[in-house]
Amino acid sequence: MRAPSALRLAAVALLLAGGGGAVHAQADKPAATPAKKAEDTTKRPPLPADRSIAQTARIGGRTIAYRATVGTITVRDDTGKEIGQVTYTAYTVPGRDPGRPVTFAFNGGPGAASVYLNLGAVGPKRVQFGAQGDAPSDAPIARDNPNSWLDFTDLVFIDPIGTGFSRSLVDEAETKKVFFANDPDIRYLSKVVYDWLVGERRLRSPKYLMGESYGGYRAPRIAYELQSQIGVGVNGLIMVSPYLDPAVGDDATALSPLPWMIGLPSMAAATLERQGRLTPAAMADVEAYTRGDFARDLLRGRSDPAATDRIVTRVTELTGLEPALVRRRGGRIDTGTYLREIHRADGTIGSVYDSNVTAFDPFPWSAQQQSNDPILDALIAPTTSAMVDFVTREVGWKTDARYNALSYAVNRAWDRGKPADTPVADLRKAIANDPKMRVMIVHGWDDLSCPFFASRLIVDQMPAFGQAERVQLRVYAGGHMFYSRNDSGAQFKADARQIYR
């Protein structure tokens, strides 16, 4: 997932390995051997050795026997010095069939562990979270996931440094330089994928990458890095609610209508869903208006008062907001205003990840939102508790280190660089280089964090690459984590299976 920077998010401490103690010379014993370096009391205990257990799950109508492994991959700098430890969770079906695919999964943030795709979407076990009615106090019990992909691919869930149990072994300044920035992040994670393939003797296997949110930014860049620099071909990419183009969004140029265009269809989808009228046909009309009359009227601006009147009338209908509010905004509705105002009458506030998932607003009379996102706050407890219980109790990978399902400290420290369309450029180059690579981009209709319409516009600007739907776009009922809805998760699996075939 992509953490929304506009919200007030509680701080999460990121513990980093520190420096050593002082060496004190003894003036009265000049010939003595040098004093030993004082013990580094800030150094944490080592992480446990890799550990595997045998498990089964009922998936796709049959019982699948597999091995669940929690392990660590060392990250080294150019001199060979160990600078970080990346933990992963792998689910593999025994047999070592070289034709069996393996899929590497990343979440986003930056600062999110892979637990959301693992225990929410495609892993063999599932914990319910992210839907209306789910609560942090719900028992974090993992049950067999019928929508798991383990019946057609092995799965490796990777936690970047600062998330899960993964950790840096260098100081804070060096950590930001080598881990918490766009380009270094791609380089070391690509090497982690390579190291796992070599260590498990899986270089002959078909290889797929899955990334959610900022993980969707990572996936095409990692694919191109593996393909062009490390020497590993990738058969397919699955980008889940991807954050593909940082250059287009709320902070884009004031001359561009795109920020207003990419959010409107998701607001309209949420309105249609509340009315029981959400269908692909209805959304096709919304999209046609957005890229047609809405865009033209936005570009006319105040030079054509009738254009503003048309926008206000149509946007009021699409969003369900009060006409007076829409007129004050000139028909240009930002995400924060929509989430606050659409549910104000019942004292709740919507989530940026699915605007129809709400929580009570603890400060309903405040002019600004004073609380965190409803989904973001509610999913930390079940995902963290379920994952730590699985790792420490079931697998027996014993550690007292803190598990970070979502680290706000990593997100704050991240160097995002200059907004650019690098993931889209790398995606184009990777597809152009490999005529057999296939790509699927998937979204939830109601997501305002990474709206589906941005991907629609991006895909429509791509070349055909010699084959219809080399890059497929699929949209499902739900929001950023649409897979939390059983029907959407099942359809997602059915569509993805075609990519693997």
Protein backbone atom coordinates (compact mmCIF):
# COMPACT_ATOMS: atom_id res chain seq x y z
CA MET A 1 0.00 0.00 0.00
CA ARG A 2 1.00 3.63 -0.36
CA ALA A 3 0.96 5.59 2.90
CA PRO A 4 -0.92 8.91 2.46
CA SER A 5 1.45 11.71 3.40
CA ALA A 6 -1.38 14.19 3.98
CA LEU A 7 -2.73 12.32 6.99
CA ARG A 8 -1.38 12.77 10.48
CA LEU A 9 0.27 9.40 11.08
CA ALA A 10 1.58 8.17 14.41
CA ALA A 11 5.33 7.71 14.61
CA VAL A 12 6.81 4.23 14.54
CA ALA A 13 10.33 3.92 15.89
CA LEU A 14 12.91 2.41 13.53
CA LEU A 15 15.78 0.90 15.52
CA LEU A 16 19.12 0.96 13.73
CA ALA A 17 22.36 -0.73 14.67
CA GLY A 18 24.65 1.84 16.27
CA GLY A 19 28.38 2.49 16.61
CA GLY A 20 30.96 0.97 18.92
CA GLY A 21 32.36 1.93 22.28
CA ALA A 22 35.47 3.97 22.98
CA VAL A 23 39.02 2.61 23.29
CA HIS A 24 40.90 4.06 26.29
CA ALA A 25 44.75 4.12 26.15
CA GLN A 26 46.61 3.50 29.41
CA ALA A 27 49.52 5.97 29.77
CA ASP A 28 51.35 3.91 32.41
CA LYS A 29 51.48 0.78 30.19
CA PRO A 30 52.69 2.00 26.74
CA ALA A 31 54.00 -1.40 25.70
CA ALA A 32 50.81 -3.29 26.50
CA THR A 33 48.65 -4.78 23.78
CA PRO A 34 45.90 -2.45 22.57
CA ALA A 35 42.77 -2.44 24.71
CA LYS A 36 39.82 -4.36 23.32
CA LYS A 37 36.98 -2.43 21.80
CA ALA A 38 34.21 -2.01 24.33
CA GLU A 39 31.14 -4.13 23.78
CA ASP A 40 28.50 -2.50 21.58
CA THR A 41 25.48 -2.52 23.83
CA THR A 42 23.21 -1.20 21.08
CA LYS A 43 23.78 -4.21 18.82
CA ARG A 44 20.74 -6.42 18.61
CA PRO A 45 20.77 -10.22 18.81
CA PRO A 46 21.18 -11.99 15.46
CA LEU A 47 18.10 -13.11 13.63
CA PRO A 48 17.35 -16.84 13.77
CA ALA A 49 18.47 -19.31 11.13
CA ASP A 50 16.05 -20.06 8.31
CA ARG A 51 13.29 -22.42 9.35
CA SER A 52 10.70 -24.44 7.42
CA ILE A 53 7.61 -26.42 8.33
CA ALA A 54 5.19 -28.58 6.35
CA GLN A 55 1.63 -27.31 6.03
CA THR A 56 -1.54 -27.93 4.04
CA ALA A 57 -4.36 -25.69 2.84
CA ARG A 58 -7.58 -26.23 0.94
CA ILE A 59 -7.15 -24.20 -2.27
CA GLY A 60 -9.06 -24.40 -5.51
CA GLY A 61 -11.12 -27.34 -4.31
CA ARG A 62 -8.18 -29.54 -3.35
CA THR A 63 -5.72 -29.93 -0.51
CA ILE A 64 -2.27 -28.50 -1.29
CA ALA A 65 0.74 -29.72 0.69
CA TYR A 66 3.55 -27.17 0.85
CA ARG A 67 6.52 -25.95 2.84
CA ALA A 68 6.39 -22.60 4.61
CA THR A 69 9.81 -21.03 5.14
CA VAL A 70 10.82 -17.92 7.05
CA GLY A 71 14.32 -16.88 6.10
CA THR A 72 16.85 -14.10 5.77
CA ILE A 73 18.92 -12.87 2.82
CA THR A 74 22.02 -10.79 3.51
CA VAL A 75 22.50 -7.45 1.74
CA ARG A 76 26.12 -6.46 1.11
CA ASP A 77 27.74 -3.31 -0.25
CA ASP A 78 30.30 -3.25 -3.07
CA THR A 79 33.10 -4.21 -0.67
CA GLY A 80 31.27 -7.28 0.61
CA LYS A 81 30.37 -5.72 3.96
CA GLU A 82 27.04 -6.87 5.40
CA ILE A 83 24.80 -3.81 5.57
CA GLY A 84 21.32 -5.29 5.92
CA GLN A 85 19.20 -8.37 6.44
CA VAL A 86 16.02 -8.92 4.43
CA THR A 87 13.48 -11.41 5.76
CA TYR A 88 11.07 -13.27 3.54
CA THR A 89 8.27 -15.82 3.78
CA ALA A 90 8.16 -18.48 1.07
CA TYR A 91 5.51 -21.07 0.28
CA THR A 92 6.77 -23.81 -2.04
CA VAL A 93 5.19 -27.04 -3.25
CA PRO A 94 7.72 -29.91 -3.09
CA GLY A 95 8.81 -31.63 -6.28
CA ARG A 96 11.34 -29.22 -7.79
CA ASP A 97 9.55 -29.19 -11.14
CA PRO A 98 11.62 -26.72 -13.21
CA GLY A 99 8.45 -25.66 -14.99
CA ARG A 100 6.66 -24.56 -11.81
CA PRO A 101 6.52 -20.76 -11.61
CA VAL A 102 7.69 -18.71 -8.66
CA THR A 103 6.20 -15.31 -7.84
CA PHE A 104 7.96 -12.62 -5.78
CA ALA A 105 5.59 -10.24 -3.99
CA PHE A 106 6.23 -6.76 -2.64
CA ASN A 107 3.96 -4.28 -0.91
CA GLY A 108 4.57 -0.57 -0.95
CA GLY A 109 4.38 2.41 1.37
CA PRO A 110 7.29 2.94 1.16
CA GLY A 111 7.42 1.31 4.58
CA ALA A 112 4.91 -1.54 4.17
CA ALA A 113 5.74 -5.20 4.79
CA SER A 114 4.47 -7.87 2.39
CA VAL A 115 1.94 -9.19 4.93
CA TYR A 116 -0.99 -7.56 3.09
CA LEU A 117 -0.49 -9.57 -0.10
CA ASN A 118 0.54 -12.59 1.97
CA LEU A 119 -2.28 -12.87 4.50
CA GLY A 120 -4.81 -10.80 2.57
CA ALA A 121 -4.58 -11.69 -1.11
CA VAL A 122 -2.67 -14.68 -2.50
CA GLY A 123 -0.95 -16.56 0.35
CA PRO A 124 -2.26 -19.98 1.43
CA LYS A 125 -3.70 -18.58 4.67
CA ARG A 126 -5.87 -15.51 5.04
CA VAL A 127 -6.85 -13.04 7.76
CA GLN A 128 -9.87 -10.83 7.14
CA PHE A 129 -9.14 -7.09 7.09
CA GLY A 130 -9.80 -3.98 5.04
CA ALA A 131 -13.58 -4.29 4.64
CA GLN A 132 -16.48 -2.48 6.31
CA GLY A 133 -17.16 -4.02 9.73
CA ASP A 134 -13.64 -5.37 10.31
CA ALA A 135 -12.18 -4.29 13.66
CA PRO A 136 -8.67 -4.21 15.17
CA SER A 137 -9.89 -6.39 18.05
CA ASP A 138 -11.06 -9.21 15.76
CA ALA A 139 -9.22 -12.46 16.52
CA PRO A 140 -6.19 -12.66 14.18
CA ILE A 141 -6.89 -16.24 13.11
CA ALA A 142 -5.51 -17.28 9.72
CA ARG A 143 -7.71 -19.66 7.75
CA ASP A 144 -7.27 -21.46 4.44
CA ASN A 145 -7.45 -19.01 1.55
CA PRO A 146 -9.48 -20.38 -1.37
CA ASN A 147 -8.22 -17.46 -3.49
CA SER A 148 -4.55 -18.31 -2.92
CA TRP A 149 -2.35 -18.67 -5.99
CA LEU A 150 -0.29 -21.50 -4.50
CA ASP A 151 -2.11 -24.04 -6.67
CA PHE A 152 -0.34 -22.63 -9.75
CA THR A 153 2.78 -20.80 -8.47
CA ASP A 154 5.19 -20.86 -5.56
CA LEU A 155 5.13 -17.61 -3.59
CA VAL A 156 7.93 -15.55 -2.00
CA PHE A 157 6.89 -12.51 0.05
CA ILE A 158 9.75 -10.05 0.58
CA ASP A 159 9.92 -7.41 3.32
CA PRO A 160 12.16 -4.45 2.38
CA ILE A 161 14.55 -3.02 4.96
CA GLY A 162 12.70 -1.34 7.82
CA THR A 163 9.57 -3.47 7.36
CA GLY A 164 8.61 -6.82 8.83
CA PHE A 165 11.70 -8.10 10.63
CA SER A 166 14.09 -6.79 7.93
CA ARG A 167 16.71 -4.39 9.23
CA SER A 168 19.62 -2.18 8.37
CA LEU A 169 23.01 -2.85 9.94
CA VAL A 170 24.45 0.62 9.24
CA ASP A 171 23.83 3.99 10.84
CA GLU A 172 20.87 6.23 10.11
CA ALA A 173 22.57 8.41 7.50
CA GLU A 174 23.93 5.41 5.59
CA THR A 175 20.58 3.63 5.87
CA LYS A 176 18.83 6.52 4.13
CA LYS A 177 21.48 6.51 1.42
CA VAL A 178 21.57 2.78 0.61
CA PHE A 179 17.99 1.71 1.40
CA PHE A 180 15.49 4.58 1.72
CA ALA A 181 15.52 6.04 -1.79
CA ASN A 182 13.92 5.05 -5.08
CA ASP A 183 16.93 3.86 -7.07
CA PRO A 184 18.91 2.06 -4.30
CA ASP A 185 15.69 0.32 -3.26
CA ILE A 186 15.33 -1.19 -6.75
CA ARG A 187 18.97 -2.31 -6.90
CA TYR A 188 19.15 -4.17 -3.60
CA LEU A 189 15.69 -5.75 -3.90
CA SER A 190 16.55 -7.00 -7.39
CA LYS A 191 19.65 -8.62 -5.93
CA VAL A 192 17.54 -10.20 -3.18
CA VAL A 193 15.34 -11.84 -5.82
CA TYR A 194 18.43 -13.10 -7.63
CA ASP A 195 19.98 -14.44 -4.42
CA TRP A 196 16.83 -16.37 -3.56
CA LEU A 197 16.70 -17.92 -7.04
CA VAL A 198 20.34 -18.97 -6.87
CA GLY A 199 20.10 -20.26 -3.30
CA GLU A 200 16.99 -22.32 -4.05
CA ARG A 201 18.26 -23.46 -7.49
CA ARG A 202 15.26 -21.95 -9.23
CA LEU A 203 16.87 -19.99 -12.07
CA ARG A 204 15.18 -22.30 -14.60
CA SER A 205 11.70 -21.61 -13.20
CA PRO A 206 9.27 -19.18 -14.83
CA LYS A 207 9.52 -15.97 -12.80
CA TYR A 208 6.82 -13.43 -11.96
CA LEU A 209 6.78 -10.22 -9.96
CA MET A 210 3.80 -8.86 -8.03
CA GLY A 211 3.72 -5.42 -6.46
CA GLU A 212 0.97 -3.56 -4.64
CA SER A 213 0.77 0.25 -4.48
CA TYR A 214 4.37 1.51 -4.23
CA GLY A 215 5.18 -2.14 -4.87
CA GLY A 216 3.57 -1.45 -8.26
CA TYR A 217 6.22 1.25 -8.72
CA ARG A 218 8.86 -1.32 -7.77
CA ALA A 219 7.72 -4.25 -9.92
CA PRO A 220 8.42 -2.92 -13.44
CA ARG A 221 11.66 -1.33 -12.33
CA ILE A 222 12.86 -4.54 -10.66
CA ALA A 223 11.85 -6.48 -13.78
CA TYR A 224 13.96 -4.22 -15.99
CA GLU A 225 16.87 -4.25 -13.52
CA LEU A 226 16.81 -8.06 -13.43
CA GLN A 227 16.50 -8.28 -17.19
CA SER A 228 19.08 -5.70 -18.23
CA GLN A 229 21.60 -5.58 -15.37
CA ILE A 230 21.53 -8.82 -13.36
CA GLY A 231 20.67 -11.18 -16.18
CA VAL A 232 17.38 -12.77 -15.11
CA GLY A 233 14.36 -12.74 -17.40
CA VAL A 234 10.89 -12.13 -15.95
CA ASN A 235 7.90 -13.86 -17.53
CA GLY A 236 5.19 -11.62 -16.18
CA LEU A 237 4.21 -8.71 -13.96
CA ILE A 238 1.12 -8.26 -11.81
CA MET A 239 0.67 -4.72 -10.50
CA VAL A 240 -1.98 -4.38 -7.79
CA SER A 241 -3.41 -0.87 -7.27
CA PRO A 242 -0.07 0.45 -8.53
CA TYR A 243 1.47 3.83 -7.86
CA LEU A 244 2.84 4.07 -11.38
CA ASP A 245 3.37 7.74 -12.15
CA PRO A 246 4.46 10.03 -9.30
CA ALA A 247 4.48 12.97 -11.71
CA VAL A 248 0.68 12.90 -11.95
CA GLY A 249 -1.26 13.66 -8.78
CA ASP A 250 -2.38 16.31 -6.34
CA ASP A 251 0.96 18.13 -6.62
CA ALA A 252 1.06 18.20 -10.42
CA THR A 253 1.27 21.42 -12.40
CA ALA A 254 -1.60 23.87 -12.05
CA LEU A 255 -1.93 23.84 -15.84
CA SER A 256 -2.88 20.18 -15.94
CA PRO A 257 -6.45 18.83 -15.57
CA LEU A 258 -5.11 15.34 -14.82
CA PRO A 259 -5.22 15.53 -10.99
CA TRP A 260 -8.94 16.30 -11.16
CA MET A 261 -9.53 13.68 -13.84
CA ILE A 262 -7.90 10.66 -12.22
CA GLY A 263 -9.89 10.86 -8.97
CA LEU A 264 -13.37 11.60 -10.30
CA PRO A 265 -14.18 8.11 -11.71
CA SER A 266 -13.36 6.45 -8.37
CA MET A 267 -15.60 8.92 -6.54
CA ALA A 268 -18.35 8.16 -9.05
CA ALA A 269 -17.82 4.40 -8.61
CA ALA A 270 -18.29 4.72 -4.85
CA THR A 271 -21.50 6.69 -5.37
CA LEU A 272 -22.83 4.09 -7.81
CA GLU A 273 -21.93 1.30 -5.38
CA ARG A 274 -23.84 2.98 -2.55
CA GLN A 275 -26.82 3.22 -4.90
CA GLY A 276 -26.51 -0.41 -6.02
CA ARG A 277 -25.84 0.68 -9.61
CA LEU A 278 -22.11 -0.05 -10.04
CA THR A 279 -21.56 -1.89 -13.31
CA PRO A 280 -18.85 -1.84 -16.00
CA ALA A 281 -21.35 -0.23 -18.37
CA ALA A 282 -22.12 2.58 -15.93
CA MET A 283 -18.41 3.16 -15.39
CA ALA A 284 -17.75 3.24 -19.12
CA ASP A 285 -20.07 6.25 -19.31
CA VAL A 286 -18.24 7.90 -16.41
CA GLU A 287 -14.86 7.36 -18.05
CA ALA A 288 -16.11 8.70 -21.38
CA TYR A 289 -17.33 11.87 -19.67
CA THR A 290 -14.08 12.28 -17.71
CA ARG A 291 -11.78 12.10 -20.71
CA GLY A 292 -14.25 13.99 -22.91
CA ASP A 293 -16.51 16.83 -21.77
CA PHE A 294 -15.01 17.08 -18.27
CA ALA A 295 -11.45 17.48 -19.59
CA ARG A 296 -12.55 19.98 -22.25
CA ASP A 297 -14.53 22.07 -19.78
CA LEU A 298 -11.65 22.05 -17.28
CA LEU A 299 -9.33 23.41 -19.97
CA ARG A 300 -11.81 26.16 -20.85
CA GLY A 301 -11.66 27.39 -17.25
CA ARG A 302 -13.20 30.70 -16.24
CA SER A 303 -13.07 32.00 -19.81
CA ASP A 304 -16.29 30.03 -20.35
CA PRO A 305 -18.73 30.41 -17.38
CA ALA A 306 -21.08 27.89 -18.97
CA ALA A 307 -18.29 25.29 -18.80
CA THR A 308 -18.09 25.68 -15.02
CA ASP A 309 -21.88 25.34 -14.75
CA ARG A 310 -21.75 22.11 -16.74
CA ILE A 311 -18.94 20.73 -14.57
CA VAL A 312 -20.74 21.57 -11.31
CA THR A 313 -23.97 19.93 -12.44
CA ARG A 314 -22.32 16.70 -13.61
CA VAL A 315 -19.82 16.39 -10.75
CA THR A 316 -22.61 16.88 -8.21
CA GLU A 317 -24.49 14.01 -9.81
CA LEU A 318 -21.42 11.76 -9.97
CA THR A 319 -20.13 12.36 -6.44
CA GLY A 320 -23.35 12.78 -4.45
CA LEU A 321 -21.91 15.85 -2.71
CA GLU A 322 -23.92 18.95 -1.83
CA PRO A 323 -24.35 21.22 -4.90
CA ALA A 324 -23.24 24.31 -2.97
CA LEU A 325 -20.01 22.61 -1.94
CA VAL A 326 -19.28 21.46 -5.49
CA ARG A 327 -19.88 24.97 -6.81
CA ARG A 328 -17.53 26.50 -4.23
CA ARG A 329 -14.86 24.09 -5.48
CA GLY A 330 -15.62 24.86 -9.11
CA GLY A 331 -16.36 21.18 -9.69
CA ARG A 332 -12.79 20.30 -8.74
CA ILE A 333 -13.10 17.90 -5.81
CA ASP A 334 -9.94 16.85 -4.01
CA THR A 335 -9.73 13.49 -2.25
CA GLY A 336 -9.70 14.87 1.29
CA THR A 337 -12.82 16.95 0.76
CA TYR A 338 -14.69 14.03 -0.76
CA LEU A 339 -13.81 11.58 2.04
CA ARG A 340 -14.79 14.06 4.74
CA GLU A 341 -17.95 15.45 3.23
CA ILE A 342 -19.63 12.45 1.64
CA HIS A 343 -20.17 10.79 5.04
CA ARG A 344 -20.43 13.90 7.24
CA ALA A 345 -24.17 13.50 7.86
CA ASP A 346 -23.68 10.21 9.73
CA GLY A 347 -20.57 11.36 11.63
CA THR A 348 -18.16 9.05 9.84
CA ILE A 349 -15.22 9.50 7.50
CA GLY A 350 -14.24 7.42 4.47
CA SER A 351 -10.93 5.70 3.78
CA VAL A 352 -8.68 6.86 0.97
CA TYR A 353 -8.16 3.17 0.19
CA ASP A 354 -11.91 2.48 -0.19
CA SER A 355 -14.16 5.46 0.31
CA ASN A 356 -17.13 3.25 1.24
CA VAL A 357 -15.24 1.80 4.20
CA THR A 358 -15.81 4.22 7.06
CA ALA A 359 -15.05 4.82 10.71
CA PHE A 360 -16.50 7.26 13.21
CA ASP A 361 -14.92 10.69 12.96
CA PRO A 362 -13.48 11.41 16.43
CA PHE A 363 -13.45 15.16 15.70
CA PRO A 364 -16.52 15.78 13.50
CA TRP A 365 -16.64 19.52 14.19
CA SER A 366 -13.06 20.20 13.16
CA ALA A 367 -12.49 22.00 9.87
CA GLN A 368 -9.73 19.50 9.02
CA GLN A 369 -9.47 15.76 9.47
CA GLN A 370 -7.76 15.06 12.80
CA SER A 371 -7.65 11.26 12.61
CA ASN A 372 -5.73 8.64 10.66
CA ASP A 373 -7.18 6.69 7.77
CA PRO A 374 -9.92 4.22 8.85
CA ILE A 375 -8.50 1.24 6.96
CA LEU A 376 -4.87 2.06 7.70
CA ASP A 377 -5.41 2.22 11.46
CA ALA A 378 -7.68 -0.83 11.58
CA LEU A 379 -5.46 -3.28 9.71
CA ILE A 380 -2.23 -2.88 11.70
CA ALA A 381 -3.41 -5.01 14.63
CA PRO A 382 -4.80 -8.05 12.78
CA THR A 383 -1.99 -8.24 10.23
CA THR A 384 0.80 -7.77 12.78
CA SER A 385 -0.65 -10.19 15.33
CA ALA A 386 -1.42 -12.85 12.72
CA MET A 387 2.01 -12.64 11.08
CA VAL A 388 3.99 -12.68 14.34
CA ASP A 389 1.89 -15.60 15.59
CA PHE A 390 2.56 -17.52 12.37
CA VAL A 391 6.30 -16.80 12.32
CA THR A 392 7.07 -17.38 15.99
CA ARG A 393 4.52 -19.99 17.05
CA GLU A 394 3.75 -22.02 13.94
CA VAL A 395 7.05 -21.87 12.06
CA GLY A 396 9.09 -21.59 15.24
CA TRP A 397 11.31 -18.77 13.95
CA LYS A 398 11.87 -17.33 17.40
CA THR A 399 12.77 -13.67 17.76
CA ASP A 400 11.87 -10.84 20.09
CA ALA A 401 12.57 -8.23 17.41
CA ARG A 402 9.75 -5.87 16.58
CA TYR A 403 7.65 -6.60 13.51
CA ASN A 404 6.73 -3.54 11.42
CA ALA A 405 3.67 -4.16 9.25
CA LEU A 406 3.76 -0.49 8.26
CA SER A 407 6.62 1.79 9.27
CA TYR A 408 5.80 5.47 9.18
CA ALA A 409 9.44 6.18 10.06
CA VAL A 410 10.58 4.60 6.80
CA ASN A 411 7.94 6.55 4.89
CA ARG A 412 9.06 9.85 6.43
CA ALA A 413 12.75 9.13 5.79
CA TRP A 414 12.24 8.14 2.14
CA ASP A 415 14.03 10.19 -0.52
CA ARG A 416 11.50 10.28 -3.35
CA GLY A 417 13.71 12.28 -5.67
CA LYS A 418 12.21 14.24 -8.52
CA PRO A 419 8.74 13.03 -9.61
CA ALA A 420 9.16 11.08 -12.85
CA ASP A 421 7.54 8.36 -14.90
CA THR A 422 10.49 5.98 -14.46
CA PRO A 423 8.35 2.89 -13.67
CA VAL A 424 6.32 3.40 -16.85
CA ALA A 425 9.48 3.93 -18.90
CA ASP A 426 11.08 0.79 -17.44
CA LEU A 427 7.87 -1.15 -18.04
CA ARG A 428 7.88 -0.13 -21.71
CA LYS A 429 11.54 -1.10 -22.13
CA ALA A 430 11.13 -4.47 -20.39
CA ILE A 431 8.11 -5.38 -22.53
CA ALA A 432 9.81 -4.21 -25.73
CA ASN A 433 12.87 -6.34 -24.95
CA ASP A 434 10.91 -9.53 -24.24
CA PRO A 435 8.08 -10.43 -26.65
CA LYS A 436 6.89 -13.19 -24.28
CA MET A 437 6.48 -11.03 -21.17
CA ARG A 438 2.88 -10.41 -20.10
CA VAL A 439 1.57 -7.72 -17.77
CA MET A 440 -1.64 -7.31 -15.78
CA ILE A 441 -2.56 -4.13 -13.91
CA VAL A 442 -5.44 -4.46 -11.45
CA HIS A 443 -7.39 -1.93 -9.39
CA GLY A 444 -10.48 -1.50 -7.23
CA TRP A 445 -13.11 0.90 -8.47
CA ASP A 446 -13.32 2.81 -5.15
CA ASP A 447 -9.59 3.42 -4.55
CA LEU A 448 -8.63 7.09 -4.19
CA SER A 449 -5.08 6.37 -3.05
CA CYS A 450 -4.04 4.96 -6.43
CA PRO A 451 -7.06 5.58 -8.70
CA PHE A 452 -7.65 3.14 -11.55
CA PHE A 453 -8.17 5.92 -14.08
CA ALA A 454 -4.50 6.95 -13.89
CA SER A 455 -3.54 3.47 -15.06
CA ARG A 456 -6.23 3.60 -17.75
CA LEU A 457 -4.71 6.76 -19.20
CA ILE A 458 -1.16 5.38 -18.92
CA VAL A 459 -2.02 2.10 -20.66
CA ASP A 460 -3.89 3.90 -23.42
CA GLN A 461 -0.75 5.90 -24.24
CA MET A 462 1.42 2.78 -24.62
CA PRO A 463 2.29 1.15 -27.93
CA ALA A 464 0.59 -2.16 -28.75
CA PHE A 465 3.89 -4.09 -28.61
CA GLY A 466 2.71 -6.35 -31.41
CA GLN A 467 -0.06 -8.10 -29.50
CA ALA A 468 -3.48 -7.15 -28.21
CA GLU A 469 -3.55 -6.66 -24.46
CA ARG A 470 0.14 -7.28 -23.79
CA VAL A 471 -0.65 -4.94 -20.90
CA GLN A 472 -4.07 -5.82 -19.48
CA LEU A 473 -6.07 -3.61 -17.13
CA ARG A 474 -8.71 -5.15 -14.88
CA VAL A 475 -10.89 -3.31 -12.33
CA TYR A 476 -12.87 -5.03 -9.55
CA ALA A 477 -15.43 -4.12 -6.92
CA GLY A 478 -13.73 -2.70 -3.84
CA GLY A 479 -10.86 -0.36 -3.14
CA HIS A 480 -7.08 -0.43 -2.83
CA MET A 481 -7.28 -3.89 -1.24
CA PHE A 482 -10.19 -5.11 -3.35
CA TYR A 483 -9.02 -8.67 -2.64
CA SER A 484 -10.47 -8.34 0.87
CA ARG A 485 -13.82 -8.98 -0.85
CA ASN A 486 -14.12 -12.69 -1.63
CA ASP A 487 -15.77 -12.26 -5.03
CA SER A 488 -13.17 -9.75 -6.21
CA GLY A 489 -10.33 -11.93 -4.90
CA ALA A 490 -11.71 -14.93 -6.80
CA GLN A 491 -12.04 -12.99 -10.05
CA PHE A 492 -8.52 -11.58 -9.60
CA LYS A 493 -7.18 -15.13 -9.28
CA ALA A 494 -9.08 -16.33 -12.36
CA ASP A 495 -7.77 -13.43 -14.45
CA ALA A 496 -4.19 -13.84 -13.18
CA ARG A 497 -4.15 -17.55 -13.99
CA GLN A 498 -4.35 -16.63 -17.67
CA ILE A 499 -1.11 -14.65 -17.36
CA TYR A 500 0.67 -17.73 -16.02
CA ARG A 501 -0.65 -19.94 -18.80
